[in-house]
C-alpha atoms as a PDB file:
ATOM      1  CA  THR A   1     -18.548  18.744  20.861  1.00  0.00           C
ATOM      2  CA  HIS A   2     -16.410  21.702  21.752  1.00  0.00           C
ATOM      3  CA  ASN A   3     -16.486  25.198  20.270  1.00  0.00           C
ATOM      4  CA  GLY A   4     -20.156  25.832  19.635  1.00  0.00           C
ATOM      5  CA  GLY A   5     -21.265  22.544  18.124  1.00  0.00           C
ATOM      6  CA  GLU A   6     -18.355  21.886  15.741  1.00  0.00           C
ATOM      7  CA  ALA A   7     -16.716  18.483  15.955  1.00  0.00           C
ATOM      8  CA  PHE A   8     -13.343  18.596  17.679  1.00  0.00           C
ATOM      9  CA  PRO A   9     -10.926  16.084  16.070  1.00  0.00           C
ATOM     10  CA  GLY A  10      -7.750  14.422  17.256  1.00  0.00           C
ATOM     11  CA  TYR A  11      -5.118  12.877  14.967  1.00  0.00           C
ATOM     12  CA  VAL A  12      -2.668   9.976  15.070  1.00  0.00           C
ATOM     13  CA  PHE A  13      -0.329   9.778  12.084  1.00  0.00           C
ATOM     14  CA  GLN A  14       1.755   7.008  10.493  1.00  0.00           C
ATOM     15  CA  SER A  15       4.772   8.310  12.351  1.00  0.00           C
ATOM     16  CA  PRO A  16       4.453   9.688  15.887  1.00  0.00           C
ATOM     17  CA  ARG A  17       5.588  13.216  14.918  1.00  0.00           C
ATOM     18  CA  LEU A  18       7.114  13.907  18.309  1.00  0.00           C
ATOM     19  CA  LEU A  19       9.342  16.909  18.914  1.00  0.00           C
ATOM     20  CA  PRO A  20      12.723  15.378  19.830  1.00  0.00           C
ATOM     21  CA  TRP A  21      13.810  18.305  22.020  1.00  0.00           C
ATOM     22  CA  ARG A  22      10.693  18.035  24.234  1.00  0.00           C
ATOM     23  CA  SER A  23      10.023  15.453  26.916  1.00  0.00           C
ATOM     24  CA  VAL A  24       7.155  13.005  26.512  1.00  0.00           C
ATOM     25  CA  MET A  25       4.984  15.139  28.823  1.00  0.00           C
ATOM     26  CA  ASP A  26       5.885  18.325  26.953  1.00  0.00           C
ATOM     27  CA  ASN A  27       4.984  16.610  23.653  1.00  0.00           C
ATOM     28  CA  LEU A  28       1.547  15.837  25.057  1.00  0.00           C
ATOM     29  CA  LEU A  29       1.071  19.307  26.525  1.00  0.00           C
ATOM     30  CA  PHE A  30       2.159  20.893  23.227  1.00  0.00           C
ATOM     31  CA  VAL A  31      -1.264  20.174  21.669  1.00  0.00           C
ATOM     32  CA  HIS A  32      -3.212  21.656  24.579  1.00  0.00           C
ATOM     33  CA  GLU A  33      -4.408  25.248  24.530  1.00  0.00           C
ATOM     34  CA  ASP A  34      -3.424  25.608  28.159  1.00  0.00           C
ATOM     35  CA  ARG A  35      -0.733  23.923  30.204  1.00  0.00           C
ATOM     36  CA  SER A  36      -2.860  23.853  33.352  1.00  0.00           C
ATOM     37  CA  GLN A  37      -2.713  21.213  36.061  1.00  0.00           C
ATOM     38  CA  ARG A  38      -5.959  19.801  34.636  1.00  0.00           C
ATOM     39  CA  ALA A  39      -4.338  19.340  31.199  1.00  0.00           C
ATOM     40  CA  ARG A  40      -1.280  17.741  32.816  1.00  0.00           C
ATOM     41  CA  GLU A  41      -3.520  15.310  34.747  1.00  0.00           C
ATOM     42  CA  ARG A  42      -5.311  14.334  31.510  1.00  0.00           C
ATOM     43  CA  CYS A  43      -1.935  13.721  29.860  1.00  0.00           C
ATOM     44  CA  GLU A  44      -0.844  11.566  32.806  1.00  0.00           C
ATOM     45  CA  LYS A  45      -4.112   9.601  32.602  1.00  0.00           C
ATOM     46  CA  TYR A  46      -3.590   8.750  28.930  1.00  0.00           C
ATOM     47  CA  LEU A  47       0.122   8.032  29.359  1.00  0.00           C
ATOM     48  CA  ASP A  48      -0.887   5.549  32.056  1.00  0.00           C
ATOM     49  CA  MET A  49      -3.457   4.019  29.687  1.00  0.00           C
ATOM     50  CA  VAL A  50      -0.733   3.304  27.111  1.00  0.00           C
ATOM     51  CA  GLY A  51       1.621   1.970  29.783  1.00  0.00           C
ATOM     52  CA  LEU A  52       4.054   4.902  29.710  1.00  0.00           C
ATOM     53  CA  GLY A  53       3.157   6.775  32.891  1.00  0.00           C
ATOM     54  CA  ASP A  54       6.706   6.271  34.144  1.00  0.00           C
ATOM     55  CA  ARG A  55       8.250   7.741  30.967  1.00  0.00           C
ATOM     56  CA  ALA A  56       6.855  11.306  31.104  1.00  0.00           C
ATOM     57  CA  ALA A  57      10.295  12.868  31.655  1.00  0.00           C
ATOM     58  CA  LYS A  58      11.999  10.848  28.886  1.00  0.00           C
ATOM     59  CA  TYR A  59      12.716  12.200  25.413  1.00  0.00           C
ATOM     60  CA  PRO A  60      11.479  10.539  22.202  1.00  0.00           C
ATOM     61  CA  GLY A  61      14.986   9.358  21.290  1.00  0.00           C
ATOM     62  CA  GLU A  62      15.047   7.301  24.492  1.00  0.00           C
ATOM     63  CA  LEU A  63      11.942   5.352  23.452  1.00  0.00           C
ATOM     64  CA  SER A  64      11.378   2.492  21.015  1.00  0.00           C
ATOM     65  CA  GLY A  65       9.257   3.048  17.904  1.00  0.00           C
ATOM     66  CA  GLY A  66       6.283   1.332  19.546  1.00  0.00           C
ATOM     67  CA  MET A  67       6.625   3.505  22.642  1.00  0.00           C
ATOM     68  CA  GLN A  68       6.813   6.630  20.499  1.00  0.00           C
ATOM     69  CA  GLN A  69       3.598   5.609  18.737  1.00  0.00           C
ATOM     70  CA  ARG A  70       1.980   5.019  22.142  1.00  0.00           C
ATOM     71  CA  VAL A  71       2.924   8.594  23.056  1.00  0.00           C
ATOM     72  CA  GLY A  72       1.274   9.793  19.826  1.00  0.00           C
ATOM     73  CA  ILE A  73      -1.894   7.883  20.705  1.00  0.00           C
ATOM     74  CA  ALA A  74      -1.900   9.226  24.269  1.00  0.00           C
ATOM     75  CA  ARG A  75      -1.391  12.749  22.917  1.00  0.00           C
ATOM     76  CA  ALA A  76      -4.390  12.432  20.583  1.00  0.00           C
ATOM     77  CA  PHE A  77      -6.652  11.029  23.309  1.00  0.00           C
ATOM     78  CA  SER A  78      -5.444  13.609  25.862  1.00  0.00           C
ATOM     79  CA  ILE A  79      -7.244  16.462  24.108  1.00  0.00           C
ATOM     80  CA  GLU A  80     -10.410  14.372  24.499  1.00  0.00           C
ATOM     81  CA  PRO A  81     -11.572  14.833  20.905  1.00  0.00           C
ATOM     82  CA  ASP A  82     -15.052  14.080  19.638  1.00  0.00           C
ATOM     83  CA  VAL A  83     -13.572  12.055  16.766  1.00  0.00           C
ATOM     84  CA  LEU A  84     -10.136  10.493  16.519  1.00  0.00           C
ATOM     85  CA  PHE A  85      -8.605  10.115  13.050  1.00  0.00           C
ATOM     86  CA  MET A  86      -5.869   7.495  12.787  1.00  0.00           C
ATOM     87  CA  ASP A  87      -3.880   7.266   9.552  1.00  0.00           C
ATOM     88  CA  GLU A  88      -2.154   3.866   9.377  1.00  0.00           C
ATOM     89  CA  PRO A  89      -0.602   4.340  12.823  1.00  0.00           C
ATOM     90  CA  PHE A  90       0.797   0.794  13.030  1.00  0.00           C
ATOM     91  CA  SER A  91       2.032   0.370   9.458  1.00  0.00           C
ATOM     92  CA  HIS A  92       5.709   0.997  10.273  1.00  0.00           C
ATOM     93  CA  LEU A  93       5.823  -1.246  13.349  1.00  0.00           C
ATOM     94  CA  ASP A  94       6.778  -4.904  13.595  1.00  0.00           C
ATOM     95  CA  ALA A  95       3.891  -7.393  13.742  1.00  0.00           C
ATOM     96  CA  ILE A  96       4.182  -8.125  17.477  1.00  0.00           C
ATOM     97  CA  THR A  97       4.272  -4.445  18.486  1.00  0.00           C
ATOM     98  CA  ALA A  98       1.397  -3.633  16.117  1.00  0.00           C
ATOM     99  CA  ARG A  99      -0.688  -6.459  17.577  1.00  0.00           C
ATOM    100  CA  SER A 100      -0.055  -5.187  21.093  1.00  0.00           C
ATOM    101  CA  LEU A 101      -0.965  -1.630  20.090  1.00  0.00           C
ATOM    102  CA  ARG A 102      -4.204  -2.799  18.451  1.00  0.00           C
ATOM    103  CA  ARG A 103      -5.173  -4.404  21.765  1.00  0.00           C
ATOM    104  CA  GLU A 104      -4.294  -1.228  23.674  1.00  0.00           C
ATOM    105  CA  LEU A 105      -6.211   0.908  21.208  1.00  0.00           C
ATOM    106  CA  HIS A 106      -9.254  -1.289  21.644  1.00  0.00           C
ATOM    107  CA  GLU A 107      -9.029  -0.935  25.435  1.00  0.00           C
ATOM    108  CA  MET A 108      -8.765   2.863  25.141  1.00  0.00           C
ATOM    109  CA  TRP A 109     -11.684   2.950  22.709  1.00  0.00           C
ATOM    110  CA  LYS A 110     -13.743   0.835  25.115  1.00  0.00           C
ATOM    111  CA  ALA A 111     -12.806   3.059  28.077  1.00  0.00           C
ATOM    112  CA  THR A 112     -13.467   6.370  26.317  1.00  0.00           C
ATOM    113  CA  GLY A 113     -16.249   5.545  23.859  1.00  0.00           C
ATOM    114  CA  LYS A 114     -14.663   7.861  21.289  1.00  0.00           C
ATOM    115  CA  THR A 115     -15.471   7.566  17.616  1.00  0.00           C
ATOM    116  CA  VAL A 116     -12.345   6.417  15.787  1.00  0.00           C
ATOM    117  CA  LEU A 117     -11.882   6.631  12.028  1.00  0.00           C
ATOM    118  CA  PHE A 118      -9.000   4.271  11.292  1.00  0.00           C
ATOM    119  CA  VAL A 119      -7.345   4.249   7.867  1.00  0.00           C
ATOM    120  CA  THR A 120      -5.526   1.053   6.957  1.00  0.00           C
ATOM    121  CA  HIS A 121      -4.595  -1.064   3.962  1.00  0.00           C
ATOM    122  CA  ASP A 122      -4.373  -4.139   6.202  1.00  0.00           C
ATOM    123  CA  VAL A 123      -7.635  -6.093   5.934  1.00  0.00           C
ATOM    124  CA  GLY A 124      -6.810  -8.168   9.031  1.00  0.00           C
ATOM    125  CA  GLU A 125      -6.248  -5.019  11.064  1.00  0.00           C
ATOM    126  CA  ALA A 126      -9.528  -3.566   9.785  1.00  0.00           C
ATOM    127  CA  VAL A 127     -11.442  -6.712  10.763  1.00  0.00           C
ATOM    128  CA  GLU A 128      -9.830  -6.809  14.224  1.00  0.00           C
ATOM    129  CA  LEU A 129     -10.584  -3.174  15.054  1.00  0.00           C
ATOM    130  CA  SER A 130     -13.749  -2.211  13.197  1.00  0.00           C
ATOM    131  CA  ASN A 131     -17.482  -2.293  13.575  1.00  0.00           C
ATOM    132  CA  ARG A 132     -17.651  -1.496   9.888  1.00  0.00           C
ATOM    133  CA  ILE A 133     -15.254  -1.211   6.992  1.00  0.00           C
ATOM    134  CA  ILE A 134     -15.806   1.538   4.450  1.00  0.00           C
ATOM    135  CA  VAL A 135     -14.137   0.623   1.167  1.00  0.00           C
ATOM    136  CA  PHE A 136     -13.007   3.472  -1.053  1.00  0.00           C
ATOM    137  CA  ALA A 137     -12.225   3.335  -4.759  1.00  0.00           C
ATOM    138  CA  LYS A 138      -9.733   5.584  -6.497  1.00  0.00           C
ATOM    139  CA  GLY A 139     -10.980   9.127  -6.461  1.00  0.00           C
ATOM    140  CA  GLY A 140     -12.466   8.773  -2.991  1.00  0.00           C
ATOM    141  CA  LYS A 141     -15.808   7.227  -3.968  1.00  0.00           C
ATOM    142  CA  ILE A 142     -17.301   4.781  -1.489  1.00  0.00           C
ATOM    143  CA  LYS A 143     -17.455   1.318  -3.048  1.00  0.00           C
ATOM    144  CA  ASP A 144     -18.913  -0.562  -0.082  1.00  0.00           C
ATOM    145  CA  ASP A 145     -19.804  -0.463   3.596  1.00  0.00           C
ATOM    146  CA  ILE A 146     -19.111  -3.824   5.230  1.00  0.00           C
ATOM    147  CA  PRO A 147     -20.383  -4.457   8.788  1.00  0.00           C
ATOM    148  CA  ILE A 148     -18.197  -6.571  11.077  1.00  0.00           C
ATOM    149  CA  ASP A 149     -20.474  -8.263  13.594  1.00  0.00           C
ATOM    150  CA  LEU A 150     -18.023 -10.010  15.890  1.00  0.00           C
ATOM    151  CA  PRO A 151     -17.683  -9.473  19.645  1.00  0.00           C
ATOM    152  CA  PHE A 152     -14.663  -7.594  21.007  1.00  0.00           C
ATOM    153  CA  PRO A 153     -11.880  -8.151  21.781  1.00  0.00           C
ATOM    154  CA  ARG A 154     -10.840  -9.804  18.543  1.00  0.00           C
ATOM    155  CA  ASP A 155      -7.647 -11.712  17.947  1.00  0.00           C
ATOM    156  CA  SER A 156      -6.146 -12.436  14.548  1.00  0.00           C
ATOM    157  CA  ALA A 157      -5.649 -16.081  15.621  1.00  0.00           C
ATOM    158  CA  ASP A 158      -9.404 -16.482  16.244  1.00  0.00           C
ATOM    159  CA  GLU A 159     -11.125 -18.609  13.600  1.00  0.00           C
ATOM    160  CA  LYS A 160     -14.103 -16.218  13.355  1.00  0.00           C
ATOM    161  CA  VAL A 161     -11.754 -13.290  12.690  1.00  0.00           C
ATOM    162  CA  ALA A 162      -9.956 -15.315   9.996  1.00  0.00           C
ATOM    163  CA  VAL A 163     -13.291 -16.170   8.355  1.00  0.00           C
ATOM    164  CA  ALA A 164     -14.397 -12.513   8.451  1.00  0.00           C
ATOM    165  CA  LYS A 165     -11.068 -11.462   6.906  1.00  0.00           C
ATOM    166  CA  ALA A 166     -11.553 -14.009   4.110  1.00  0.00           C
ATOM    167  CA  GLN A 167     -15.086 -12.721   3.509  1.00  0.00           C
ATOM    168  CA  VAL A 168     -13.844  -9.138   3.274  1.00  0.00           C
ATOM    169  CA  LEU A 169     -11.079 -10.158   0.861  1.00  0.00           C
ATOM    170  CA  ARG A 170     -13.648 -12.016  -1.232  1.00  0.00           C
ATOM    171  CA  LYS A 171     -15.769  -8.867  -1.258  1.00  0.00           C
ATOM    172  CA  PHE A 172     -12.728  -6.909  -2.506  1.00  0.00           C
ATOM    173  CA  GLU A 173     -12.368  -9.408  -5.329  1.00  0.00           C
ATOM    174  CA  GLU A 174     -16.068  -9.012  -6.210  1.00  0.00           C
ATOM    175  CA  LEU A 175     -15.608  -5.243  -6.260  1.00  0.00           C
ATOM    176  CA  ASP A 176     -12.557  -5.756  -8.505  1.00  0.00           C
ATOM    177  CA  LEU A 177     -10.295  -3.972  -6.003  1.00  0.00           C
ATOM    178  CA  ILE A 178      -7.554  -6.620  -5.861  1.00  0.00           C
ATOM    179  CA  ALA A 179      -4.900  -6.564  -8.544  1.00  0.00           C
ATOM    180  CA  THR A 180      -4.460  -9.935 -10.205  1.00  0.00           C
END
């Protein structure tokens, strides 16, 4: 924790929320309290982890949507938060880019050991990325807590992942959370 025992969060949103008039590096540095060499080195480290180390001087408009989201992920990790909140960060991307980003996110999670709270409406995505799935009902009440006991990395084409996804969907039906 930072700041006297309080949890220090990082955020990744549905859209990257990059400032178009700032370079990739300046977008990362924007969320840092200081712009020291140490902060810059952390930003470079996380840009490298998302495969964009060579794009630090580019502007968001010069990047694809997937690259922009990678910058948003690198920015969130670069502040080295205690907890990372991700709100449907792959929902607006095509399936191939989203799959690639899920793999990269898993690698970053494995490398950093950060706690990630990932919000998604995609059951397959939840099964691929999660140790547990917390199911909420309308009004924010917790309906269920479903453990996912599969080894990482997980691939949507893996039979065990498909079976787990089917089990989770069945659980949703039992909880009467799927519209018929």
